[in-house]
């Protein structure tokens, strides 16, 4: 899984969340262990995805996009629902962070890292 090669971090997280949705108990029962293992790996590998210590909140920042249009989605892990969309746009004049891709084009990096405070109430960008 490489989020920078066309896969969206939000799409990946949404797909995994669908497998643990409490409204589909059959899928949740069949997929819960492997889905949580996958979530742990996603959080470990991708710094723009974070969970709080009690695994009750999940935050996903946009990796690629316009800095003045960036957002962070916060999910409740028990109900598997998005509870907030936070505006993470930079102030006017904030320089864009550019990275080259294999095709030679430039991409703007919106969110590079997220983390929750130890109490899980504050999200750091």
PDB file of N, CA and C in Angstrom:
ATOM      1  N   UNK A   1       0.853  -1.166   0.000  1.00  0.00           N
ATOM      2  CA  UNK A   1       0.000   0.000   0.000  1.00  0.00           C
ATOM      3  C   UNK A   1       0.896   1.226   0.000  1.00  0.00           C
ATOM      4  N   UNK A   2       0.747   2.053  -0.994  1.00  0.00           N
ATOM      5  CA  UNK A   2       1.513   3.290  -1.047  1.00  0.00           C
ATOM      6  C   UNK A   2       0.553   4.434  -1.316  1.00  0.00           C
ATOM      7  N   UNK A   3       0.322   5.237  -0.307  1.00  0.00           N
ATOM      8  CA  UNK A   3      -0.653   6.316  -0.420  1.00  0.00           C
ATOM      9  C   UNK A   3      -0.224   7.374  -1.416  1.00  0.00           C
ATOM     10  N   UNK A   4       1.060   7.498  -1.646  1.00  0.00           N
ATOM     11  CA  UNK A   4       1.546   8.536  -2.558  1.00  0.00           C
ATOM     12  C   UNK A   4       1.493   8.101  -4.013  1.00  0.00           C
ATOM     13  N   UNK A   5       1.122   6.880  -4.294  1.00  0.00           N
ATOM     14  CA  UNK A   5       1.026   6.407  -5.672  1.00  0.00           C
ATOM     15  C   UNK A   5      -0.427   6.290  -6.122  1.00  0.00           C
ATOM     16  N   UNK A   6      -1.252   7.233  -5.734  1.00  0.00           N
ATOM     17  CA  UNK A   6      -2.619   7.274  -6.226  1.00  0.00           C
ATOM     18  C   UNK A   6      -3.661   6.836  -5.216  1.00  0.00           C
ATOM     19  N   UNK A   7      -3.281   6.063  -4.186  1.00  0.00           N
ATOM     20  CA  UNK A   7      -4.235   5.671  -3.168  1.00  0.00           C
ATOM     21  C   UNK A   7      -4.396   6.805  -2.180  1.00  0.00           C
ATOM     22  N   UNK A   8      -5.602   7.049  -1.765  1.00  0.00           N
ATOM     23  CA  UNK A   8      -5.852   8.110  -0.801  1.00  0.00           C
ATOM     24  C   UNK A   8      -5.823   7.525   0.598  1.00  0.00           C
ATOM     25  N   UNK A   9      -5.156   8.224   1.527  1.00  0.00           N
ATOM     26  CA  UNK A   9      -5.135   7.776   2.905  1.00  0.00           C
ATOM     27  C   UNK A   9      -6.547   7.665   3.460  1.00  0.00           C
ATOM     28  N   UNK A  10      -7.411   8.598   3.092  1.00  0.00           N
ATOM     29  CA  UNK A  10      -8.799   8.571   3.553  1.00  0.00           C
ATOM     30  C   UNK A  10      -9.523   7.358   2.972  1.00  0.00           C
ATOM     31  N   UNK A  11      -9.293   7.031   1.714  1.00  0.00           N
ATOM     32  CA  UNK A  11      -9.929   5.866   1.095  1.00  0.00           C
ATOM     33  C   UNK A  11      -9.489   4.575   1.768  1.00  0.00           C
ATOM     34  N   UNK A  12      -8.207   4.459   2.057  1.00  0.00           N
ATOM     35  CA  UNK A  12      -7.690   3.260   2.720  1.00  0.00           C
ATOM     36  C   UNK A  12      -8.332   3.104   4.089  1.00  0.00           C
ATOM     37  N   UNK A  13      -8.361   4.178   4.859  1.00  0.00           N
ATOM     38  CA  UNK A  13      -8.955   4.129   6.192  1.00  0.00           C
ATOM     39  C   UNK A  13     -10.444   3.816   6.106  1.00  0.00           C
ATOM     40  N   UNK A  14     -11.161   4.440   5.182  1.00  0.00           N
ATOM     41  CA  UNK A  14     -12.591   4.155   5.034  1.00  0.00           C
ATOM     42  C   UNK A  14     -12.840   2.690   4.714  1.00  0.00           C
ATOM     43  N   UNK A  15     -12.001   2.118   3.865  1.00  0.00           N
ATOM     44  CA  UNK A  15     -12.147   0.704   3.524  1.00  0.00           C
ATOM     45  C   UNK A  15     -11.969  -0.169   4.768  1.00  0.00           C
ATOM     46  N   UNK A  16     -10.935   0.100   5.546  1.00  0.00           N
ATOM     47  CA  UNK A  16     -10.701  -0.697   6.755  1.00  0.00           C
ATOM     48  C   UNK A  16     -11.834  -0.487   7.752  1.00  0.00           C
ATOM     49  N   UNK A  17     -12.299   0.754   7.898  1.00  0.00           N
ATOM     50  CA  UNK A  17     -13.405   1.028   8.819  1.00  0.00           C
ATOM     51  C   UNK A  17     -14.661   0.246   8.448  1.00  0.00           C
ATOM     52  N   UNK A  18     -14.919   0.088   7.162  1.00  0.00           N
ATOM     53  CA  UNK A  18     -16.093  -0.678   6.726  1.00  0.00           C
ATOM     54  C   UNK A  18     -16.042  -2.111   7.241  1.00  0.00           C
ATOM     55  N   UNK A  19     -14.844  -2.661   7.362  1.00  0.00           N
ATOM     56  CA  UNK A  19     -14.724  -4.056   7.797  1.00  0.00           C
ATOM     57  C   UNK A  19     -14.970  -4.235   9.284  1.00  0.00           C
ATOM     58  N   UNK A  20     -14.951  -3.151  10.063  1.00  0.00           N
ATOM     59  CA  UNK A  20     -15.217  -3.267  11.501  1.00  0.00           C
ATOM     60  C   UNK A  20     -16.484  -2.516  11.913  1.00  0.00           C
ATOM     61  N   UNK A  21     -17.308  -2.162  10.945  1.00  0.00           N
ATOM     62  CA  UNK A  21     -18.554  -1.440  11.211  1.00  0.00           C
ATOM     63  C   UNK A  21     -19.477  -2.309  12.063  1.00  0.00           C
ATOM     64  N   UNK A  22     -19.914  -1.813  13.239  1.00  0.00           N
ATOM     65  CA  UNK A  22     -20.788  -2.608  14.101  1.00  0.00           C
ATOM     66  C   UNK A  22     -22.147  -2.925  13.477  1.00  0.00           C
ATOM     67  N   UNK A  23     -22.561  -2.176  12.465  1.00  0.00           N
ATOM     68  CA  UNK A  23     -23.856  -2.462  11.833  1.00  0.00           C
ATOM     69  C   UNK A  23     -23.794  -3.700  10.936  1.00  0.00           C
ATOM     70  N   UNK A  24     -22.608  -4.194  10.631  1.00  0.00           N
ATOM     71  CA  UNK A  24     -22.444  -5.427   9.856  1.00  0.00           C
ATOM     72  C   UNK A  24     -21.695  -6.422  10.736  1.00  0.00           C
ATOM     73  N   UNK A  25     -22.437  -7.066  11.631  1.00  0.00           N
ATOM     74  CA  UNK A  25     -21.807  -7.916  12.646  1.00  0.00           C
ATOM     75  C   UNK A  25     -21.080  -9.121  12.055  1.00  0.00           C
ATOM     76  N   UNK A  26     -21.574  -9.653  10.939  1.00  0.00           N
ATOM     77  CA  UNK A  26     -20.921 -10.808  10.322  1.00  0.00           C
ATOM     78  C   UNK A  26     -19.537 -10.411   9.811  1.00  0.00           C
ATOM     79  N   UNK A  27     -19.476  -9.298   9.069  1.00  0.00           N
ATOM     80  CA  UNK A  27     -18.183  -8.852   8.555  1.00  0.00           C
ATOM     81  C   UNK A  27     -17.252  -8.453   9.697  1.00  0.00           C
ATOM     82  N   UNK A  28     -17.801  -7.745  10.678  1.00  0.00           N
ATOM     83  CA  UNK A  28     -16.977  -7.300  11.811  1.00  0.00           C
ATOM     84  C   UNK A  28     -16.357  -8.490  12.527  1.00  0.00           C
ATOM     85  N   UNK A  29     -17.156  -9.520  12.770  1.00  0.00           N
ATOM     86  CA  UNK A  29     -16.647 -10.703  13.469  1.00  0.00           C
ATOM     87  C   UNK A  29     -15.558 -11.391  12.652  1.00  0.00           C
ATOM     88  N   UNK A  30     -15.761 -11.473  11.357  1.00  0.00           N
ATOM     89  CA  UNK A  30     -14.795 -12.153  10.489  1.00  0.00           C
ATOM     90  C   UNK A  30     -13.513 -11.345  10.291  1.00  0.00           C
ATOM     91  N   UNK A  31     -13.619 -10.018  10.318  1.00  0.00           N
ATOM     92  CA  UNK A  31     -12.485  -9.167   9.927  1.00  0.00           C
ATOM     93  C   UNK A  31     -11.824  -8.400  11.063  1.00  0.00           C
ATOM     94  N   UNK A  32     -12.406  -8.404  12.247  1.00  0.00           N
ATOM     95  CA  UNK A  32     -11.951  -7.491  13.293  1.00  0.00           C
ATOM     96  C   UNK A  32     -10.464  -7.619  13.604  1.00  0.00           C
ATOM     97  N   UNK A  33      -9.992  -8.825  13.872  1.00  0.00           N
ATOM     98  CA  UNK A  33      -8.585  -9.011  14.244  1.00  0.00           C
ATOM     99  C   UNK A  33      -7.641  -8.544  13.145  1.00  0.00           C
ATOM    100  N   UNK A  34      -7.898  -8.969  11.922  1.00  0.00           N
ATOM    101  CA  UNK A  34      -6.999  -8.582  10.827  1.00  0.00           C
ATOM    102  C   UNK A  34      -7.113  -7.086  10.524  1.00  0.00           C
ATOM    103  N   UNK A  35      -8.301  -6.520  10.677  1.00  0.00           N
ATOM    104  CA  UNK A  35      -8.471  -5.081  10.442  1.00  0.00           C
ATOM    105  C   UNK A  35      -7.717  -4.260  11.477  1.00  0.00           C
ATOM    106  N   UNK A  36      -7.762  -4.676  12.733  1.00  0.00           N
ATOM    107  CA  UNK A  36      -7.036  -3.948  13.769  1.00  0.00           C
ATOM    108  C   UNK A  36      -5.528  -4.086  13.574  1.00  0.00           C
ATOM    109  N   UNK A  37      -5.083  -5.258  13.139  1.00  0.00           N
ATOM    110  CA  UNK A  37      -3.664  -5.441  12.823  1.00  0.00           C
ATOM    111  C   UNK A  37      -3.261  -4.515  11.682  1.00  0.00           C
ATOM    112  N   UNK A  38      -4.121  -4.411  10.686  1.00  0.00           N
ATOM    113  CA  UNK A  38      -3.857  -3.522   9.551  1.00  0.00           C
ATOM    114  C   UNK A  38      -3.823  -2.071  10.001  1.00  0.00           C
ATOM    115  N   UNK A  39      -4.780  -1.671  10.859  1.00  0.00           N
ATOM    116  CA  UNK A  39      -4.781  -0.301  11.381  1.00  0.00           C
ATOM    117  C   UNK A  39      -3.483   0.009  12.115  1.00  0.00           C
ATOM    118  N   UNK A  40      -3.025  -0.917  12.947  1.00  0.00           N
ATOM    119  CA  UNK A  40      -1.778  -0.697  13.684  1.00  0.00           C
ATOM    120  C   UNK A  40      -0.616  -0.473  12.727  1.00  0.00           C
ATOM    121  N   UNK A  41      -0.588  -1.230  11.643  1.00  0.00           N
ATOM    122  CA  UNK A  41       0.480  -1.077  10.658  1.00  0.00           C
ATOM    123  C   UNK A  41       0.360   0.260   9.920  1.00  0.00           C
ATOM    124  N   UNK A  42      -0.859   0.647   9.554  1.00  0.00           N
ATOM    125  CA  UNK A  42      -1.073   1.931   8.872  1.00  0.00           C
ATOM    126  C   UNK A  42      -0.612   3.080   9.768  1.00  0.00           C
ATOM    127  N   UNK A  43      -0.972   3.026  11.048  1.00  0.00           N
ATOM    128  CA  UNK A  43      -0.577   4.076  11.993  1.00  0.00           C
ATOM    129  C   UNK A  43       0.942   4.085  12.179  1.00  0.00           C
ATOM    130  N   UNK A  44       1.554   2.910  12.199  1.00  0.00           N
ATOM    131  CA  UNK A  44       3.006   2.823  12.377  1.00  0.00           C
ATOM    132  C   UNK A  44       3.756   3.383  11.169  1.00  0.00           C
ATOM    133  N   UNK A  45       3.271   3.080   9.969  1.00  0.00           N
ATOM    134  CA  UNK A  45       3.988   3.431   8.740  1.00  0.00           C
ATOM    135  C   UNK A  45       3.684   4.846   8.262  1.00  0.00           C
ATOM    136  N   UNK A  46       2.446   5.290   8.402  1.00  0.00           N
ATOM    137  CA  UNK A  46       2.039   6.578   7.846  1.00  0.00           C
ATOM    138  C   UNK A  46       1.816   7.609   8.952  1.00  0.00           C
ATOM    139  N   UNK A  47       2.693   8.606   9.065  1.00  0.00           N
ATOM    140  CA  UNK A  47       2.585   9.583  10.151  1.00  0.00           C
ATOM    141  C   UNK A  47       1.377  10.506  10.046  1.00  0.00           C
ATOM    142  N   UNK A  48       0.688  10.510   8.902  1.00  0.00           N
ATOM    143  CA  UNK A  48      -0.492  11.362   8.764  1.00  0.00           C
ATOM    144  C   UNK A  48      -1.764  10.658   9.248  1.00  0.00           C
ATOM    145  N   UNK A  49      -1.598   9.455   9.820  1.00  0.00           N
ATOM    146  CA  UNK A  49      -2.702   8.710  10.423  1.00  0.00           C
ATOM    147  C   UNK A  49      -2.332   8.489  11.886  1.00  0.00           C
ATOM    148  N   UNK A  50      -3.245   8.833  12.798  1.00  0.00           N
ATOM    149  CA  UNK A  50      -2.948   8.712  14.227  1.00  0.00           C
ATOM    150  C   UNK A  50      -4.156   8.171  14.976  1.00  0.00           C
ATOM    151  N   UNK A  51      -3.889   7.447  16.061  1.00  0.00           N
ATOM    152  CA  UNK A  51      -4.936   7.010  16.989  1.00  0.00           C
ATOM    153  C   UNK A  51      -4.534   7.460  18.380  1.00  0.00           C
ATOM    154  N   UNK A  52      -5.537   7.655  19.234  1.00  0.00           N
ATOM    155  CA  UNK A  52      -5.203   7.990  20.611  1.00  0.00           C
ATOM    156  C   UNK A  52      -4.832   6.702  21.350  1.00  0.00           C
ATOM    157  N   UNK A  53      -4.298   6.843  22.567  1.00  0.00           N
ATOM    158  CA  UNK A  53      -3.778   5.684  23.301  1.00  0.00           C
ATOM    159  C   UNK A  53      -4.828   4.620  23.570  1.00  0.00           C
ATOM    160  N   UNK A  54      -6.075   5.003  23.776  1.00  0.00           N
ATOM    161  CA  UNK A  54      -7.128   4.028  24.075  1.00  0.00           C
ATOM    162  C   UNK A  54      -7.800   3.469  22.822  1.00  0.00           C
ATOM    163  N   UNK A  55      -7.315   3.856  21.647  1.00  0.00           N
ATOM    164  CA  UNK A  55      -7.856   3.398  20.364  1.00  0.00           C
ATOM    165  C   UNK A  55      -9.345   3.703  20.222  1.00  0.00           C
ATOM    166  N   UNK A  56      -9.776   4.861  20.735  1.00  0.00           N
ATOM    167  CA  UNK A  56     -11.171   5.268  20.578  1.00  0.00           C
ATOM    168  C   UNK A  56     -11.334   6.351  19.526  1.00  0.00           C
ATOM    169  N   UNK A  57     -10.221   7.031  19.168  1.00  0.00           N
ATOM    170  CA  UNK A  57     -10.266   8.086  18.153  1.00  0.00           C
ATOM    171  C   UNK A  57      -9.187   7.835  17.113  1.00  0.00           C
ATOM    172  N   UNK A  58      -9.542   8.129  15.882  1.00  0.00           N
ATOM    173  CA  UNK A  58      -8.630   7.979  14.752  1.00  0.00           C
ATOM    174  C   UNK A  58      -8.643   9.285  13.975  1.00  0.00           C
ATOM    175  N   UNK A  59      -7.477   9.771  13.582  1.00  0.00           N
ATOM    176  CA  UNK A  59      -7.379  10.991  12.777  1.00  0.00           C
ATOM    177  C   UNK A  59      -6.609  10.686  11.502  1.00  0.00           C
ATOM    178  N   UNK A  60      -7.106  11.221  10.386  1.00  0.00           N
ATOM    179  CA  UNK A  60      -6.466  11.009   9.089  1.00  0.00           C
ATOM    180  C   UNK A  60      -6.317  12.363   8.414  1.00  0.00           C
ATOM    181  N   UNK A  61      -5.076  12.738   8.151  1.00  0.00           N
ATOM    182  CA  UNK A  61      -4.799  13.991   7.461  1.00  0.00           C
ATOM    183  C   UNK A  61      -4.604  13.758   5.986  1.00  0.00           C
ATOM    184  N   UNK A  62      -4.983  14.735   5.188  1.00  0.00           N
ATOM    185  CA  UNK A  62      -4.786  14.628   3.742  1.00  0.00           C
ATOM    186  C   UNK A  62      -3.305  14.714   3.433  1.00  0.00           C
ATOM    187  N   UNK A  63      -2.817  13.749   2.690  1.00  0.00           N
ATOM    188  CA  UNK A  63      -1.400  13.702   2.350  1.00  0.00           C
ATOM    189  C   UNK A  63      -1.098  14.617   1.192  1.00  0.00           C
ATOM    190  N   UNK A  64      -1.903  14.543   0.173  1.00  0.00           N
ATOM    191  CA  UNK A  64      -1.641  15.297  -1.052  1.00  0.00           C
ATOM    192  C   UNK A  64      -2.836  16.185  -1.334  1.00  0.00           C
ATOM    193  N   UNK A  65      -2.571  17.427  -1.597  1.00  0.00           N
ATOM    194  CA  UNK A  65      -3.652  18.349  -1.896  1.00  0.00           C
ATOM    195  C   UNK A  65      -3.159  19.771  -1.766  1.00  0.00           C
ATOM    196  N   UNK A  66      -4.068  20.673  -1.799  1.00  0.00           N
ATOM    197  CA  UNK A  66      -3.712  22.074  -1.680  1.00  0.00           C
ATOM    198  C   UNK A  66      -3.591  22.437  -0.210  1.00  0.00           C
ATOM    199  N   UNK A  67      -2.495  23.074   0.149  1.00  0.00           N
ATOM    200  CA  UNK A  67      -2.260  23.443   1.539  1.00  0.00           C
ATOM    201  C   UNK A  67      -3.381  24.341   2.054  1.00  0.00           C
ATOM    202  N   UNK A  68      -3.930  25.207   1.198  1.00  0.00           N
ATOM    203  CA  UNK A  68      -4.996  26.102   1.651  1.00  0.00           C
ATOM    204  C   UNK A  68      -6.361  25.425   1.654  1.00  0.00           C
ATOM    205  N   UNK A  69      -6.414  24.128   1.395  1.00  0.00           N
ATOM    206  CA  UNK A  69      -7.665  23.381   1.398  1.00  0.00           C
ATOM    207  C   UNK A  69      -7.562  22.085   2.187  1.00  0.00           C
ATOM    208  N   UNK A  70      -6.544  21.915   3.008  1.00  0.00           N
ATOM    209  CA  UNK A  70      -6.295  20.660   3.712  1.00  0.00           C
ATOM    210  C   UNK A  70      -7.292  20.454   4.847  1.00  0.00           C
ATOM    211  N   UNK A  71      -7.577  19.188   5.121  1.00  0.00           N
ATOM    212  CA  UNK A  71      -8.459  18.866   6.235  1.00  0.00           C
ATOM    213  C   UNK A  71      -7.971  17.599   6.929  1.00  0.00           C
ATOM    214  N   UNK A  72      -8.468  17.420   8.141  1.00  0.00           N
ATOM    215  CA  UNK A  72      -8.182  16.224   8.929  1.00  0.00           C
ATOM    216  C   UNK A  72      -9.526  15.642   9.329  1.00  0.00           C
ATOM    217  N   UNK A  73      -9.714  14.367   9.076  1.00  0.00           N
ATOM    218  CA  UNK A  73     -10.947  13.687   9.456  1.00  0.00           C
ATOM    219  C   UNK A  73     -10.710  12.926  10.755  1.00  0.00           C
ATOM    220  N   UNK A  74     -11.621  13.101  11.715  1.00  0.00           N
ATOM    221  CA  UNK A  74     -11.523  12.416  13.002  1.00  0.00           C
ATOM    222  C   UNK A  74     -12.683  11.433  13.094  1.00  0.00           C
ATOM    223  N   UNK A  75     -12.359  10.192  13.443  1.00  0.00           N
ATOM    224  CA  UNK A  75     -13.345   9.115  13.512  1.00  0.00           C
ATOM    225  C   UNK A  75     -13.466   8.603  14.940  1.00  0.00           C
ATOM    226  N   UNK A  76     -14.678   8.193  15.309  1.00  0.00           N
ATOM    227  CA  UNK A  76     -14.915   7.475  16.548  1.00  0.00           C
ATOM    228  C   UNK A  76     -14.753   5.993  16.222  1.00  0.00           C
ATOM    229  N   UNK A  77     -13.827   5.320  16.883  1.00  0.00           N
ATOM    230  CA  UNK A  77     -13.533   3.931  16.544  1.00  0.00           C
ATOM    231  C   UNK A  77     -14.605   2.956  17.029  1.00  0.00           C
ATOM    232  N   UNK A  78     -15.370   3.302  18.075  1.00  0.00           N
ATOM    233  CA  UNK A  78     -16.404   2.389  18.535  1.00  0.00           C
ATOM    234  C   UNK A  78     -17.601   2.358  17.585  1.00  0.00           C
ATOM    235  N   UNK A  79     -18.050   3.529  17.173  1.00  0.00           N
ATOM    236  CA  UNK A  79     -19.207   3.578  16.271  1.00  0.00           C
ATOM    237  C   UNK A  79     -18.790   3.534  14.810  1.00  0.00           C
ATOM    238  N   UNK A  80     -17.493   3.670  14.553  1.00  0.00           N
ATOM    239  CA  UNK A  80     -16.924   3.676  13.202  1.00  0.00           C
ATOM    240  C   UNK A  80     -17.586   4.766  12.356  1.00  0.00           C
ATOM    241  N   UNK A  81     -17.656   5.957  12.934  1.00  0.00           N
ATOM    242  CA  UNK A  81     -18.223   7.091  12.209  1.00  0.00           C
ATOM    243  C   UNK A  81     -17.258   8.274  12.254  1.00  0.00           C
ATOM    244  N   UNK A  82     -17.333   9.096  11.226  1.00  0.00           N
ATOM    245  CA  UNK A  82     -16.552  10.321  11.208  1.00  0.00           C
ATOM    246  C   UNK A  82     -17.275  11.321  12.106  1.00  0.00           C
ATOM    247  N   UNK A  83     -16.559  11.862  13.084  1.00  0.00           N
ATOM    248  CA  UNK A  83     -17.192  12.775  14.029  1.00  0.00           C
ATOM    249  C   UNK A  83     -16.819  14.233  13.791  1.00  0.00           C
ATOM    250  N   UNK A  84     -15.694  14.468  13.104  1.00  0.00           N
ATOM    251  CA  UNK A  84     -15.268  15.845  12.837  1.00  0.00           C
ATOM    252  C   UNK A  84     -14.457  15.896  11.559  1.00  0.00           C
ATOM    253  N   UNK A  85     -14.564  17.033  10.891  1.00  0.00           N
ATOM    254  CA  UNK A  85     -13.638  17.362   9.810  1.00  0.00           C
ATOM    255  C   UNK A  85     -13.006  18.682  10.218  1.00  0.00           C
ATOM    256  N   UNK A  86     -11.710  18.640  10.482  1.00  0.00           N
ATOM    257  CA  UNK A  86     -10.990  19.823  10.942  1.00  0.00           C
ATOM    258  C   UNK A  86     -10.329  20.530   9.772  1.00  0.00           C
ATOM    259  N   UNK A  87     -10.398  21.840   9.783  1.00  0.00           N
ATOM    260  CA  UNK A  87      -9.733  22.643   8.761  1.00  0.00           C
ATOM    261  C   UNK A  87      -8.247  22.706   9.109  1.00  0.00           C
ATOM    262  N   UNK A  88      -7.413  22.211   8.229  1.00  0.00           N
ATOM    263  CA  UNK A  88      -5.964  22.216   8.464  1.00  0.00           C
ATOM    264  C   UNK A  88      -5.250  23.077   7.438  1.00  0.00           C
ATOM    265  N   UNK A  89      -5.976  24.026   6.841  1.00  0.00           N
ATOM    266  CA  UNK A  89      -5.334  24.878   5.840  1.00  0.00           C
ATOM    267  C   UNK A  89      -4.332  25.796   6.510  1.00  0.00           C
ATOM    268  N   UNK A  90      -3.281  26.030   5.792  1.00  0.00           N
ATOM    269  CA  UNK A  90      -2.237  26.922   6.281  1.00  0.00           C
ATOM    270  C   UNK A  90      -2.649  28.367   6.095  1.00  0.00           C
ATOM    271  N   UNK A  91      -2.005  29.252   6.818  1.00  0.00           N
ATOM    272  CA  UNK A  91      -2.301  30.678   6.650  1.00  0.00           C
ATOM    273  C   UNK A  91      -1.845  31.156   5.277  1.00  0.00           C
ATOM    274  N   UNK A  92      -2.428  32.237   4.767  1.00  0.00           N
ATOM    275  CA  UNK A  92      -1.993  32.759   3.472  1.00  0.00           C
ATOM    276  C   UNK A  92      -0.488  33.017   3.475  1.00  0.00           C
ATOM    277  N   UNK A  93       0.162  32.650   2.397  1.00  0.00           N
ATOM    278  CA  UNK A  93       1.598  32.860   2.289  1.00  0.00           C
ATOM    279  C   UNK A  93       2.437  31.710   2.796  1.00  0.00           C
ATOM    280  N   UNK A  94       1.805  30.695   3.415  1.00  0.00           N
ATOM    281  CA  UNK A  94       2.552  29.535   3.892  1.00  0.00           C
ATOM    282  C   UNK A  94       3.148  28.807   2.697  1.00  0.00           C
ATOM    283  N   UNK A  95       4.450  28.564   2.690  1.00  0.00           N
ATOM    284  CA  UNK A  95       5.040  27.904   1.520  1.00  0.00           C
ATOM    285  C   UNK A  95       4.560  26.470   1.384  1.00  0.00           C
ATOM    286  N   UNK A  96       4.306  26.062   0.170  1.00  0.00           N
ATOM    287  CA  UNK A  96       3.910  24.687  -0.101  1.00  0.00           C
ATOM    288  C   UNK A  96       5.139  23.800  -0.022  1.00  0.00           C
ATOM    289  N   UNK A  97       4.942  22.575   0.421  1.00  0.00           N
ATOM    290  CA  UNK A  97       6.021  21.598   0.441  1.00  0.00           C
ATOM    291  C   UNK A  97       5.877  20.756  -0.810  1.00  0.00           C
ATOM    292  N   UNK A  98       6.877  20.759  -1.662  1.00  0.00           N
ATOM    293  CA  UNK A  98       6.787  20.064  -2.940  1.00  0.00           C
ATOM    294  C   UNK A  98       7.681  18.840  -2.957  1.00  0.00           C
ATOM    295  N   UNK A  99       7.167  17.764  -3.540  1.00  0.00           N
ATOM    296  CA  UNK A  99       7.961  16.555  -3.703  1.00  0.00           C
ATOM    297  C   UNK A  99       7.800  16.070  -5.128  1.00  0.00           C
ATOM    298  N   UNK A 100       8.852  15.517  -5.682  1.00  0.00           N
ATOM    299  CA  UNK A 100       8.800  15.004  -7.048  1.00  0.00           C
ATOM    300  C   UNK A 100       8.271  13.578  -7.035  1.00  0.00           C
ATOM    301  N   UNK A 101       7.529  13.222  -8.068  1.00  0.00           N
ATOM    302  CA  UNK A 101       7.042  11.858  -8.227  1.00  0.00           C
ATOM    303  C   UNK A 101       7.855  11.174  -9.313  1.00  0.00           C
ATOM    304  N   UNK A 102       7.605   9.887  -9.499  1.00  0.00           N
ATOM    305  CA  UNK A 102       8.331   9.122 -10.517  1.00  0.00           C
ATOM    306  C   UNK A 102       8.108   9.703 -11.911  1.00  0.00           C
ATOM    307  N   UNK A 103       6.937  10.292 -12.144  1.00  0.00           N
ATOM    308  CA  UNK A 103       6.639  10.849 -13.464  1.00  0.00           C
ATOM    309  C   UNK A 103       7.256  12.233 -13.659  1.00  0.00           C
ATOM    310  N   UNK A 104       7.871  12.766 -12.611  1.00  0.00           N
ATOM    311  CA  UNK A 104       8.506  14.073 -12.720  1.00  0.00           C
ATOM    312  C   UNK A 104       7.607  15.237 -12.349  1.00  0.00           C
ATOM    313  N   UNK A 105       6.353  14.960 -12.016  1.00  0.00           N
ATOM    314  CA  UNK A 105       5.444  16.037 -11.623  1.00  0.00           C
ATOM    315  C   UNK A 105       5.670  16.381 -10.157  1.00  0.00           C
ATOM    316  N   UNK A 106       5.184  17.522  -9.745  1.00  0.00           N
ATOM    317  CA  UNK A 106       5.312  17.933  -8.357  1.00  0.00           C
ATOM    318  C   UNK A 106       3.970  17.806  -7.657  1.00  0.00           C
ATOM    319  N   UNK A 107       4.001  17.331  -6.420  1.00  0.00           N
ATOM    320  CA  UNK A 107       2.801  17.207  -5.611  1.00  0.00           C
ATOM    321  C   UNK A 107       2.942  18.110  -4.396  1.00  0.00           C
ATOM    322  N   UNK A 108       1.848  18.702  -3.976  1.00  0.00           N
ATOM    323  CA  UNK A 108       1.861  19.517  -2.773  1.00  0.00           C
ATOM    324  C   UNK A 108       1.503  18.635  -1.590  1.00  0.00           C
ATOM    325  N   UNK A 109       2.338  18.645  -0.565  1.00  0.00           N
ATOM    326  CA  UNK A 109       2.079  17.857   0.633  1.00  0.00           C
ATOM    327  C   UNK A 109       1.277  18.703   1.606  1.00  0.00           C
ATOM    328  N   UNK A 110       0.102  18.220   1.976  1.00  0.00           N
ATOM    329  CA  UNK A 110      -0.755  18.981   2.868  1.00  0.00           C
ATOM    330  C   UNK A 110      -0.473  18.659   4.335  1.00  0.00           C
ATOM    331  N   UNK A 111      -0.669  17.432   4.754  1.00  0.00           N
ATOM    332  CA  UNK A 111      -0.454  17.019   6.138  1.00  0.00           C
ATOM    333  C   UNK A 111       0.670  15.996   6.149  1.00  0.00           C
ATOM    334  N   UNK A 112       1.717  16.250   6.908  1.00  0.00           N
ATOM    335  CA  UNK A 112       2.832  15.301   6.924  1.00  0.00           C
ATOM    336  C   UNK A 112       2.860  14.431   8.170  1.00  0.00           C
ATOM    337  N   UNK A 113       2.279  14.880   9.288  1.00  0.00           N
ATOM    338  CA  UNK A 113       2.283  14.062  10.504  1.00  0.00           C
ATOM    339  C   UNK A 113       1.193  14.526  11.458  1.00  0.00           C
ATOM    340  N   UNK A 114       0.625  13.571  12.198  1.00  0.00           N
ATOM    341  CA  UNK A 114      -0.391  13.837  13.214  1.00  0.00           C
ATOM    342  C   UNK A 114      -0.063  13.020  14.453  1.00  0.00           C
ATOM    343  N   UNK A 115      -0.474  13.516  15.610  1.00  0.00           N
ATOM    344  CA  UNK A 115      -0.399  12.717  16.831  1.00  0.00           C
ATOM    345  C   UNK A 115      -1.404  13.272  17.832  1.00  0.00           C
ATOM    346  N   UNK A 116      -1.907  12.378  18.681  1.00  0.00           N
ATOM    347  CA  UNK A 116      -2.815  12.780  19.747  1.00  0.00           C
ATOM    348  C   UNK A 116      -2.009  13.051  21.012  1.00  0.00           C
ATOM    349  N   UNK A 117      -2.523  13.932  21.849  1.00  0.00           N
ATOM    350  CA  UNK A 117      -1.932  14.142  23.169  1.00  0.00           C
ATOM    351  C   UNK A 117      -2.170  12.875  23.995  1.00  0.00           C
ATOM    352  N   UNK A 118      -1.431  12.680  25.092  1.00  0.00           N
ATOM    353  CA  UNK A 118      -1.612  11.467  25.893  1.00  0.00           C
ATOM    354  C   UNK A 118      -3.046  11.243  26.373  1.00  0.00           C
ATOM    355  N   UNK A 119      -3.799  12.320  26.634  1.00  0.00           N
ATOM    356  CA  UNK A 119      -5.188  12.150  27.079  1.00  0.00           C
ATOM    357  C   UNK A 119      -6.157  11.942  25.915  1.00  0.00           C
ATOM    358  N   UNK A 120      -5.667  12.054  24.679  1.00  0.00           N
ATOM    359  CA  UNK A 120      -6.499  11.809  23.506  1.00  0.00           C
ATOM    360  C   UNK A 120      -7.423  12.938  23.122  1.00  0.00           C
ATOM    361  N   UNK A 121      -7.309  14.073  23.788  1.00  0.00           N
ATOM    362  CA  UNK A 121      -8.222  15.182  23.532  1.00  0.00           C
ATOM    363  C   UNK A 121      -7.673  16.221  22.563  1.00  0.00           C
ATOM    364  N   UNK A 122      -6.360  16.280  22.403  1.00  0.00           N
ATOM    365  CA  UNK A 122      -5.738  17.289  21.548  1.00  0.00           C
ATOM    366  C   UNK A 122      -5.020  16.588  20.406  1.00  0.00           C
ATOM    367  N   UNK A 123      -5.222  17.104  19.209  1.00  0.00           N
ATOM    368  CA  UNK A 123      -4.569  16.557  18.025  1.00  0.00           C
ATOM    369  C   UNK A 123      -3.484  17.522  17.592  1.00  0.00           C
ATOM    370  N   UNK A 124      -2.256  17.013  17.466  1.00  0.00           N
ATOM    371  CA  UNK A 124      -1.131  17.849  17.045  1.00  0.00           C
ATOM    372  C   UNK A 124      -0.839  17.588  15.578  1.00  0.00           C
ATOM    373  N   UNK A 125      -0.562  18.666  14.849  1.00  0.00           N
ATOM    374  CA  UNK A 125      -0.228  18.553  13.425  1.00  0.00           C
ATOM    375  C   UNK A 125       1.257  18.797  13.272  1.00  0.00           C
TER     376      UNK A 125
END
